[in-house]
Amino acid sequence: MVFVRPFRGVRYDPRRVPMGRAVCPPYDVIPAVLAERLRRLPFNAIHLELPSGNGNRYRKAAALWRRWRERGVLQGDPAPSYYVVEQRFSHGGRSYVRTGILGALDLRRSGPESVRRHEKTLSKPKADRLRLLSALRVNTSPIFGLFRDKGRGVRATLAKAKSGRPCAAGRSADGSRFLLWRVEAPRLLGSLERAFAAKSLLIADGHHRFEVAREYFRRNPKPEAAGLLIYLCAEEDAGLLVLPTHRVVAPPQEALRQVRARCRLAPKPGLAALLKALDAHPSPYAFGVYAPAAGFSLAVPRSRGGARSGLCVEWLAAHVTAHADPHHLKYTHEASEAVALARRLEGAALLVKPAGVRQIRRAVERIGLLPQKSTYFYPKVTTGLVFKPLGAV
């Protein structure tokens, strides 16, 4: 049982700031070139989500928040609401529409039996996010949660909410188009709150922010600090897309030695042939490997070696990338980019199968936390659509 409640959000006034110039990606997926471009926009959410500059950048972000509120750039909604988010995007030649909802997750009732994590976290990003949250006292970007909706009850309610005119729309830096509807009708609010109370959640993205929010609430056990901004999407949503996260190791000698010692290798003439063979192979632990001197091969482990998740990233983390310095590991979601990176760095690309949501949930049920960079839900939820203050609006 979880409690996801409506809240009074703070949003950009679209008459003051076009939404396409206001939003940004979450802090951990903003490339340096994009960050530089977004920081030239005076009211872009990056100034709150990923503040820069010398001195105490966290306090500067808090001062900027207050200034934007005073000038009316950001305005509080008059009543508690849910916010329906639709994202329209393309990938691999296909078009997708993903629908989710923003609410406030009650951290007082979010134990491991009702809210399950699936990835391990790092201390450095958590320290950064905690300092920002402590200074700003605002959830700038949501965590991403999944729920089961076999009876389509929640999705039917969201479809009703989308029948009206959106309160905001625009295009994100990744090219996806977003639309936002505010839900304030008491009947719909009650229906959604009751529906979520019967669910359990799986965190898809935002594990660092989730742990930081819990730590902040532990230090500040006030009711207003108990609500965490969360984006929820049904596991059955047709637009839910999970991309693989390929690994590139440089230097590659030890990783390749482990692969050759532990796997049966089947050479392939090129990337397309390798990906086709990987997709068709029945073993969930099979993966592709490329090295400039050795070419392309399908790698099938001779044994599971203790792996139980059904995901090859677990096997790789235990037997191959565990031997690599973390600074020598690169990640990308495009196989061709992984190959190009391996050529440039004279390294090795480890190409993994994409995992479906059901596979991920089963893996979590079997082993608990997965290795970092096990999943990538695409696209990320846009930052700046709705902010959630941890206090009075």
Protein backbone atom coordinates (compact mmCIF):
# COMPACT_ATOMS: atom_id res chain seq x y z
CA MET A 1 0.00 0.00 0.00
CA VAL A 2 1.34 3.42 -1.00
CA PHE A 3 0.00 6.91 -0.57
CA VAL A 4 0.44 9.20 -3.56
CA ARG A 5 -1.42 12.41 -2.91
CA PRO A 6 -2.31 15.51 -4.90
CA PHE A 7 -0.25 18.59 -4.06
CA ARG A 8 -0.09 22.29 -4.80
CA GLY A 9 2.52 22.51 -7.49
CA VAL A 10 4.54 25.53 -8.59
CA ARG A 11 4.76 26.03 -12.35
CA TYR A 12 6.16 28.43 -14.89
CA ASP A 13 3.76 31.10 -16.08
CA PRO A 14 3.67 30.26 -19.83
CA ARG A 15 2.84 33.91 -20.55
CA ARG A 16 6.22 34.87 -19.11
CA VAL A 17 8.38 31.96 -20.26
CA PRO A 18 7.74 29.64 -23.24
CA MET A 19 7.82 26.11 -21.84
CA GLY A 20 10.31 24.90 -24.44
CA ARG A 21 12.80 27.45 -23.07
CA ALA A 22 12.01 26.62 -19.45
CA VAL A 23 12.48 22.86 -19.16
CA CYS A 24 15.62 20.73 -19.08
CA PRO A 25 16.58 17.06 -18.59
CA PRO A 26 17.26 15.69 -15.08
CA TYR A 27 20.62 16.65 -13.58
CA ASP A 28 22.38 13.35 -14.31
CA VAL A 29 21.75 13.22 -18.07
CA ILE A 30 22.67 16.76 -19.16
CA PRO A 31 25.74 16.71 -21.44
CA ALA A 32 28.18 19.59 -20.98
CA VAL A 33 27.41 21.09 -24.39
CA LEU A 34 23.66 21.09 -23.70
CA ALA A 35 24.19 22.49 -20.19
CA GLU A 36 26.15 25.40 -21.63
CA ARG A 37 23.35 26.16 -24.08
CA LEU A 38 20.57 25.89 -21.50
CA ARG A 39 22.40 28.14 -19.03
CA ARG A 40 22.19 30.95 -21.56
CA LEU A 41 18.40 30.89 -21.08
CA PRO A 42 17.71 33.14 -18.06
CA PHE A 43 14.70 31.23 -16.73
CA ASN A 44 15.63 27.67 -17.59
CA ALA A 45 15.12 25.05 -14.89
CA ILE A 46 18.78 24.03 -15.14
CA HIS A 47 19.62 26.98 -12.88
CA LEU A 48 17.68 25.18 -10.13
CA GLU A 49 18.25 21.55 -11.12
CA LEU A 50 22.01 21.80 -11.75
CA PRO A 51 23.27 25.14 -10.42
CA SER A 52 26.75 26.22 -11.48
CA GLY A 53 29.28 28.87 -10.56
CA ASN A 54 31.75 29.62 -7.81
CA GLY A 55 30.88 29.93 -4.16
CA ASN A 56 27.81 28.30 -2.67
CA ARG A 57 25.86 27.41 -5.78
CA TYR A 58 23.14 25.77 -3.71
CA ARG A 59 22.32 29.00 -1.86
CA LYS A 60 22.39 30.86 -5.16
CA ALA A 61 19.79 28.44 -6.52
CA ALA A 62 17.62 29.08 -3.46
CA ALA A 63 17.92 32.85 -3.92
CA LEU A 64 17.02 32.48 -7.59
CA TRP A 65 13.93 30.44 -6.68
CA ARG A 66 12.75 33.18 -4.33
CA ARG A 67 13.39 35.84 -6.97
CA TRP A 68 11.43 33.95 -9.63
CA ARG A 69 8.55 33.48 -7.21
CA GLU A 70 8.50 37.17 -6.29
CA ARG A 71 8.54 38.23 -9.94
CA GLY A 72 5.76 35.83 -10.91
CA VAL A 73 7.92 33.73 -13.22
CA LEU A 74 6.89 30.77 -11.07
CA GLN A 75 3.36 30.65 -9.72
CA GLY A 76 1.72 28.33 -7.22
CA ASP A 77 -1.46 26.50 -8.17
CA PRO A 78 -4.51 27.40 -6.08
CA ALA A 79 -5.50 23.87 -5.00
CA PRO A 80 -3.96 20.42 -4.55
CA SER A 81 -3.76 18.63 -7.89
CA TYR A 82 -2.38 15.71 -9.77
CA TYR A 83 -0.62 16.49 -13.05
CA VAL A 84 -0.97 14.24 -16.09
CA VAL A 85 2.08 14.22 -18.37
CA GLU A 86 2.04 12.97 -21.95
CA GLN A 87 5.33 12.54 -23.83
CA ARG A 88 5.39 11.95 -27.58
CA PHE A 89 8.68 10.76 -28.99
CA SER A 90 10.37 8.60 -31.62
CA HIS A 91 13.08 5.98 -31.36
CA GLY A 92 14.39 3.45 -33.83
CA GLY A 93 11.97 4.58 -36.51
CA ARG A 94 8.90 4.10 -34.29
CA SER A 95 6.62 6.67 -32.66
CA TYR A 96 5.59 6.37 -29.01
CA VAL A 97 3.19 8.08 -26.61
CA ARG A 98 3.84 7.63 -22.88
CA THR A 99 1.37 8.85 -20.28
CA GLY A 100 2.10 9.27 -16.60
CA ILE A 101 1.02 11.30 -13.60
CA LEU A 102 2.83 13.53 -11.11
CA GLY A 103 1.89 13.29 -7.44
CA ALA A 104 3.43 13.44 -3.96
CA LEU A 105 4.66 10.13 -2.54
CA ASP A 106 4.20 10.01 1.24
CA LEU A 107 7.60 8.95 2.58
CA ARG A 108 6.07 8.05 5.93
CA ARG A 109 4.40 5.10 4.21
CA SER A 110 6.95 4.03 1.63
CA GLY A 111 8.63 1.01 3.13
CA PRO A 112 10.49 -1.64 1.09
CA GLU A 113 7.36 -3.77 0.81
CA SER A 114 5.44 -1.01 -1.01
CA VAL A 115 8.20 0.92 -2.82
CA ARG A 116 10.94 -1.26 -4.28
CA ARG A 117 14.27 0.01 -5.54
CA HIS A 118 16.16 -1.83 -8.25
CA GLU A 119 19.59 -0.18 -8.58
CA LYS A 120 22.49 0.51 -6.26
CA THR A 121 23.49 4.12 -5.62
CA LEU A 122 26.68 6.14 -5.16
CA SER A 123 27.50 8.40 -2.21
CA LYS A 124 28.85 11.37 -4.22
CA PRO A 125 25.65 12.14 -6.22
CA LYS A 126 23.59 11.73 -3.05
CA ALA A 127 25.72 14.26 -1.18
CA ASP A 128 25.27 16.77 -4.01
CA ARG A 129 21.49 16.30 -4.17
CA LEU A 130 21.14 16.52 -0.38
CA ARG A 131 22.99 19.84 -0.27
CA LEU A 132 20.76 21.20 -3.04
CA LEU A 133 17.55 19.96 -1.40
CA SER A 134 18.58 21.34 1.99
CA ALA A 135 19.22 24.80 0.52
CA LEU A 136 16.38 24.94 -1.98
CA ARG A 137 13.72 22.92 -0.12
CA VAL A 138 12.07 22.12 -3.45
CA ASN A 139 11.74 18.90 -5.44
CA THR A 140 12.92 20.12 -8.83
CA SER A 141 12.61 16.82 -10.69
CA PRO A 142 10.53 13.72 -9.95
CA ILE A 143 11.58 10.19 -9.30
CA PHE A 144 10.08 7.72 -11.79
CA GLY A 145 7.88 4.91 -10.45
CA LEU A 146 6.06 2.02 -12.10
CA PHE A 147 2.80 0.38 -11.04
CA ARG A 148 0.66 -2.44 -12.38
CA ASP A 149 -2.65 -1.48 -13.97
CA LYS A 150 -4.02 -4.73 -15.38
CA GLY A 151 -7.62 -3.56 -15.15
CA ARG A 152 -6.77 -0.27 -16.91
CA GLY A 153 -8.52 1.65 -14.12
CA VAL A 154 -5.83 4.30 -13.63
CA ARG A 155 -5.17 4.65 -17.34
CA ALA A 156 -8.88 5.16 -18.01
CA THR A 157 -8.94 7.96 -15.43
CA LEU A 158 -5.87 9.58 -17.00
CA ALA A 159 -7.55 9.42 -20.41
CA LYS A 160 -10.52 11.34 -18.97
CA ALA A 161 -8.17 13.93 -17.52
CA LYS A 162 -6.57 14.41 -20.94
CA SER A 163 -9.89 15.18 -22.61
CA GLY A 164 -9.57 18.86 -21.72
CA ARG A 165 -7.12 21.46 -22.89
CA PRO A 166 -3.54 21.05 -21.58
CA CYS A 167 -2.25 23.76 -19.26
CA ALA A 168 1.27 23.55 -20.72
CA ALA A 169 2.97 22.13 -23.78
CA GLY A 170 6.34 22.30 -25.48
CA ARG A 171 9.32 20.35 -26.72
CA SER A 172 12.19 18.98 -24.64
CA ALA A 173 15.88 19.13 -25.50
CA ASP A 174 15.76 15.46 -26.60
CA GLY A 175 13.13 16.34 -29.21
CA SER A 176 10.18 14.76 -27.42
CA ARG A 177 6.96 16.76 -27.16
CA PHE A 178 5.25 17.09 -23.79
CA LEU A 179 1.75 18.08 -22.73
CA LEU A 180 0.58 18.74 -19.17
CA TRP A 181 -2.92 18.66 -17.65
CA ARG A 182 -3.79 19.70 -14.10
CA VAL A 183 -6.33 17.45 -12.38
CA GLU A 184 -8.27 19.19 -9.62
CA ALA A 185 -11.82 17.74 -9.83
CA PRO A 186 -12.54 16.16 -6.40
CA ARG A 187 -14.05 13.03 -7.96
CA LEU A 188 -10.95 12.35 -10.08
CA LEU A 189 -8.59 13.17 -7.21
CA GLY A 190 -10.36 10.72 -4.93
CA SER A 191 -10.47 8.01 -7.57
CA LEU A 192 -6.73 8.27 -8.25
CA GLU A 193 -5.74 8.44 -4.59
CA ARG A 194 -7.77 5.30 -3.80
CA ALA A 195 -6.36 3.49 -6.83
CA PHE A 196 -2.76 4.16 -5.85
CA ALA A 197 -3.41 3.07 -2.26
CA ALA A 198 -3.89 -0.47 -3.58
CA LYS A 199 -0.63 -0.49 -5.55
CA SER A 200 3.00 -1.27 -4.92
CA LEU A 201 5.66 0.70 -6.79
CA LEU A 202 8.93 -0.13 -8.49
CA ILE A 203 11.37 2.76 -8.83
CA ALA A 204 12.45 2.96 -12.46
CA ASP A 205 14.66 6.04 -12.17
CA GLY A 206 15.70 8.49 -9.48
CA HIS A 207 17.15 6.14 -6.86
CA HIS A 208 19.58 8.81 -5.61
CA ARG A 209 16.78 11.37 -5.26
CA PHE A 210 14.60 8.83 -3.43
CA GLU A 211 17.28 8.05 -0.87
CA VAL A 212 18.14 11.74 -0.49
CA ALA A 213 14.48 12.61 0.13
CA ARG A 214 14.25 9.96 2.83
CA GLU A 215 17.44 11.25 4.47
CA TYR A 216 16.16 14.83 4.32
CA PHE A 217 12.89 13.74 5.95
CA ARG A 218 14.82 11.85 8.63
CA ARG A 219 16.63 15.08 9.48
CA ASN A 220 13.49 17.23 9.12
CA PRO A 221 10.56 15.05 10.24
CA LYS A 222 7.85 17.54 9.37
CA PRO A 223 4.71 16.67 7.37
CA GLU A 224 5.59 19.10 4.57
CA ALA A 225 8.93 17.29 4.05
CA ALA A 226 7.26 13.88 3.75
CA GLY A 227 5.90 14.36 0.22
CA LEU A 228 8.28 13.47 -2.61
CA LEU A 229 7.56 14.48 -6.21
CA ILE A 230 6.99 11.28 -8.19
CA TYR A 231 6.06 10.48 -11.77
CA LEU A 232 4.05 7.28 -12.08
CA CYS A 233 3.54 5.23 -15.24
CA ALA A 234 1.67 1.96 -15.71
CA GLU A 235 3.88 -1.00 -16.57
CA GLU A 236 1.39 -1.81 -19.32
CA ASP A 237 1.63 1.63 -20.96
CA ALA A 238 2.31 1.19 -24.69
CA GLY A 239 4.84 4.03 -24.66
CA LEU A 240 7.05 2.62 -21.90
CA LEU A 241 10.46 2.04 -23.50
CA VAL A 242 13.57 0.60 -21.84
CA LEU A 243 16.86 0.97 -23.71
CA PRO A 244 19.93 -1.22 -23.20
CA THR A 245 23.00 0.30 -21.58
CA HIS A 246 26.10 -0.97 -23.34
CA ARG A 247 29.50 -0.96 -21.66
CA VAL A 248 32.83 0.14 -23.12
CA VAL A 249 36.01 -0.88 -21.27
CA ALA A 250 39.36 0.77 -21.98
CA PRO A 251 41.98 -0.58 -21.61
CA PRO A 252 40.26 -3.88 -22.46
CA GLN A 253 42.85 -6.57 -21.82
CA GLU A 254 41.53 -7.96 -18.51
CA ALA A 255 37.88 -7.73 -19.57
CA LEU A 256 38.59 -9.60 -22.81
CA ARG A 257 40.59 -12.21 -20.92
CA GLN A 258 37.61 -12.87 -18.66
CA VAL A 259 35.23 -13.06 -21.62
CA ARG A 260 37.43 -15.56 -23.49
CA ALA A 261 37.93 -17.69 -20.39
CA ARG A 262 34.27 -17.82 -19.39
CA CYS A 263 32.32 -17.70 -22.67
CA ARG A 264 31.80 -19.53 -25.93
CA LEU A 265 32.45 -17.04 -28.72
CA ALA A 266 30.81 -17.08 -32.15
CA PRO A 267 32.36 -14.57 -34.59
CA LYS A 268 29.97 -12.40 -36.61
CA PRO A 269 30.69 -10.41 -39.79
CA GLY A 270 29.44 -7.08 -38.47
CA LEU A 271 27.34 -5.17 -35.97
CA ALA A 272 23.98 -5.86 -37.64
CA ALA A 273 24.63 -9.60 -37.74
CA LEU A 274 25.76 -9.57 -34.11
CA LEU A 275 22.68 -7.71 -32.88
CA LYS A 276 20.41 -10.06 -34.83
CA ALA A 277 22.11 -13.12 -33.32
CA LEU A 278 21.98 -11.59 -29.84
CA ASP A 279 18.27 -10.86 -30.14
CA ALA A 280 17.56 -14.43 -31.29
CA HIS A 281 19.70 -16.24 -28.71
CA PRO A 282 17.63 -17.87 -25.92
CA SER A 283 20.13 -17.29 -23.11
CA PRO A 284 19.32 -14.14 -21.11
CA TYR A 285 23.02 -13.90 -20.22
CA ALA A 286 24.29 -13.79 -23.82
CA PHE A 287 25.91 -10.54 -24.92
CA GLY A 288 27.88 -9.10 -27.80
CA VAL A 289 31.54 -8.17 -27.69
CA TYR A 290 33.58 -6.02 -30.04
CA ALA A 291 37.27 -5.16 -30.01
CA PRO A 292 39.08 -3.45 -32.92
CA ALA A 293 41.64 -6.24 -33.23
CA ALA A 294 39.18 -9.12 -32.82
CA GLY A 295 36.00 -7.89 -34.50
CA PHE A 296 32.46 -8.85 -33.51
CA SER A 297 31.44 -11.96 -31.55
CA LEU A 298 28.41 -13.33 -29.78
CA ALA A 299 29.44 -14.34 -26.26
CA VAL A 300 27.49 -17.01 -24.34
CA PRO A 301 28.66 -17.74 -20.77
CA ARG A 302 29.56 -21.38 -20.15
CA SER A 303 27.82 -21.14 -16.78
CA ARG A 304 25.64 -18.65 -14.96
CA GLY A 305 28.35 -18.29 -12.34
CA GLY A 306 25.89 -17.49 -9.58
CA ALA A 307 23.78 -15.08 -11.64
CA ARG A 308 20.07 -15.39 -10.85
CA SER A 309 18.45 -12.23 -12.21
CA GLY A 310 18.00 -13.28 -15.83
CA LEU A 311 19.83 -10.11 -16.93
CA CYS A 312 23.28 -10.21 -18.53
CA VAL A 313 24.31 -7.00 -16.75
CA GLU A 314 24.40 -8.97 -13.49
CA TRP A 315 26.72 -11.59 -15.03
CA LEU A 316 28.95 -8.92 -16.59
CA ALA A 317 29.17 -6.98 -13.32
CA ALA A 318 30.26 -10.10 -11.43
CA HIS A 319 32.70 -11.57 -13.93
CA VAL A 320 33.88 -8.92 -16.40
CA THR A 321 33.41 -5.27 -15.45
CA ALA A 322 34.15 -6.02 -11.79
CA HIS A 323 37.80 -6.26 -12.86
CA ALA A 324 37.75 -2.79 -14.47
CA ASP A 325 38.52 0.53 -12.82
CA PRO A 326 35.20 2.47 -12.74
CA HIS A 327 37.00 5.37 -14.43
CA HIS A 328 37.77 3.05 -17.35
CA LEU A 329 34.09 2.25 -17.96
CA LYS A 330 31.90 4.21 -20.35
CA TYR A 331 28.19 3.73 -21.03
CA THR A 332 25.97 4.38 -24.02
CA HIS A 333 22.51 3.31 -25.18
CA GLU A 334 23.38 3.02 -28.87
CA ALA A 335 25.29 -0.05 -30.08
CA SER A 336 26.89 1.83 -32.97
CA GLU A 337 28.11 4.50 -30.56
CA ALA A 338 29.59 1.82 -28.28
CA VAL A 339 31.50 0.36 -31.22
CA ALA A 340 32.75 3.79 -32.31
CA LEU A 341 33.84 4.55 -28.74
CA ALA A 342 35.69 1.23 -28.50
CA ARG A 343 37.55 2.06 -31.71
CA ARG A 344 38.46 5.54 -30.55
CA LEU A 345 39.63 4.41 -27.10
CA GLU A 346 41.15 1.13 -28.34
CA GLY A 347 38.86 -0.62 -25.90
CA ALA A 348 36.16 -3.28 -25.95
CA ALA A 349 32.41 -2.83 -26.31
CA LEU A 350 30.08 -5.13 -24.37
CA LEU A 351 26.66 -5.04 -26.01
CA VAL A 352 23.72 -6.09 -23.85
CA LYS A 353 20.15 -7.11 -24.55
CA PRO A 354 17.39 -4.62 -23.72
CA ALA A 355 15.31 -5.72 -20.72
CA GLY A 356 11.54 -5.50 -20.57
CA VAL A 357 9.69 -4.18 -17.53
CA ARG A 358 8.51 -7.67 -16.55
CA GLN A 359 12.09 -8.95 -16.72
CA ILE A 360 13.26 -6.10 -14.51
CA ARG A 361 10.55 -6.71 -11.91
CA ARG A 362 11.31 -10.46 -11.85
CA ALA A 363 15.02 -9.71 -11.49
CA VAL A 364 14.38 -7.41 -8.53
CA GLU A 365 12.17 -10.04 -6.90
CA ARG A 366 14.95 -12.61 -7.31
CA ILE A 367 18.06 -10.71 -6.22
CA GLY A 368 17.01 -7.28 -4.95
CA LEU A 369 19.27 -4.48 -6.16
CA LEU A 370 20.76 -4.69 -9.65
CA PRO A 371 24.13 -3.28 -10.75
CA GLN A 372 24.26 0.39 -11.63
CA LYS A 373 23.35 1.31 -15.20
CA SER A 374 21.17 -1.79 -15.54
CA THR A 375 18.21 0.06 -17.04
CA TYR A 376 17.47 3.23 -18.96
CA PHE A 377 13.86 4.31 -19.30
CA TYR A 378 13.57 6.57 -22.33
CA PRO A 379 12.89 9.42 -22.46
CA LYS A 380 13.60 10.86 -19.05
CA VAL A 381 10.79 12.78 -17.39
CA THR A 382 11.21 16.45 -18.24
CA THR A 383 12.39 18.70 -15.40
CA GLY A 384 10.55 21.99 -14.92
CA LEU A 385 6.98 20.94 -15.73
CA VAL A 386 5.96 21.12 -12.06
CA PHE A 387 8.00 21.89 -8.94
CA LYS A 388 7.04 20.66 -5.48
CA PRO A 389 8.09 22.89 -2.56
CA LEU A 390 8.73 21.25 0.81
CA GLY A 391 6.74 23.94 2.56
CA ALA A 392 4.13 26.58 1.96
CA VAL A 393 3.31 27.41 -1.65
